[in-house]
Amino acid sequence: MRVLIDTNVVLDFLLERELFVESAARLFRQISPNELNTI
């Protein structure tokens, strides 16, 4: 599956925004083992 990751999701992860960091981290964990293709 291909996904487009919005800049805000990247910022949520990098800045560890309290309400969103877990969701963003879960997304990045899925990208790591090649479950998702990013564009």
Protein backbone atom coordinates (compact mmCIF):
# COMPACT_ATOMS: atom_id res chain seq x y z
CA MET A 1 0.00 0.00 0.00
CA ARG A 2 1.24 3.47 -0.83
CA VAL A 3 0.66 6.32 1.58
CA LEU A 4 1.42 10.01 1.58
CA ILE A 5 2.54 11.22 4.99
CA ASP A 6 1.53 14.77 5.81
CA THR A 7 4.19 17.09 7.20
CA ASN A 8 2.19 17.46 10.41
CA VAL A 9 2.48 13.73 11.09
CA VAL A 10 6.26 13.95 10.76
CA LEU A 11 6.29 16.93 13.12
CA ASP A 12 4.06 15.09 15.60
CA PHE A 13 6.63 12.32 15.70
CA LEU A 14 9.75 14.48 15.81
CA LEU A 15 8.40 16.98 18.34
CA GLU A 16 6.67 14.25 20.36
CA ARG A 17 3.36 16.10 20.43
CA GLU A 18 1.48 14.54 23.30
CA LEU A 19 -1.84 13.81 21.62
CA PHE A 20 -0.40 12.44 18.40
CA VAL A 21 3.03 10.92 19.02
CA GLU A 22 1.75 7.36 19.56
CA SER A 23 -0.20 7.32 16.31
CA ALA A 24 2.70 8.80 14.38
CA ALA A 25 5.15 6.33 15.93
CA ARG A 26 2.88 3.42 14.99
CA LEU A 27 2.82 4.66 11.39
CA PHE A 28 6.60 4.93 11.25
CA ARG A 29 6.98 1.44 12.72
CA GLN A 30 4.88 0.10 9.85
CA ILE A 31 7.06 1.87 7.31
CA SER A 32 10.26 0.36 8.71
CA PRO A 33 9.54 -3.29 7.87
CA ASN A 34 8.31 -2.29 4.39
CA GLU A 35 4.64 -2.81 5.19
CA LEU A 36 3.92 0.56 3.60
CA ASN A 37 5.48 2.35 0.65
CA THR A 38 5.78 6.07 1.15
CA ILE A 39 5.66 8.66 -1.60
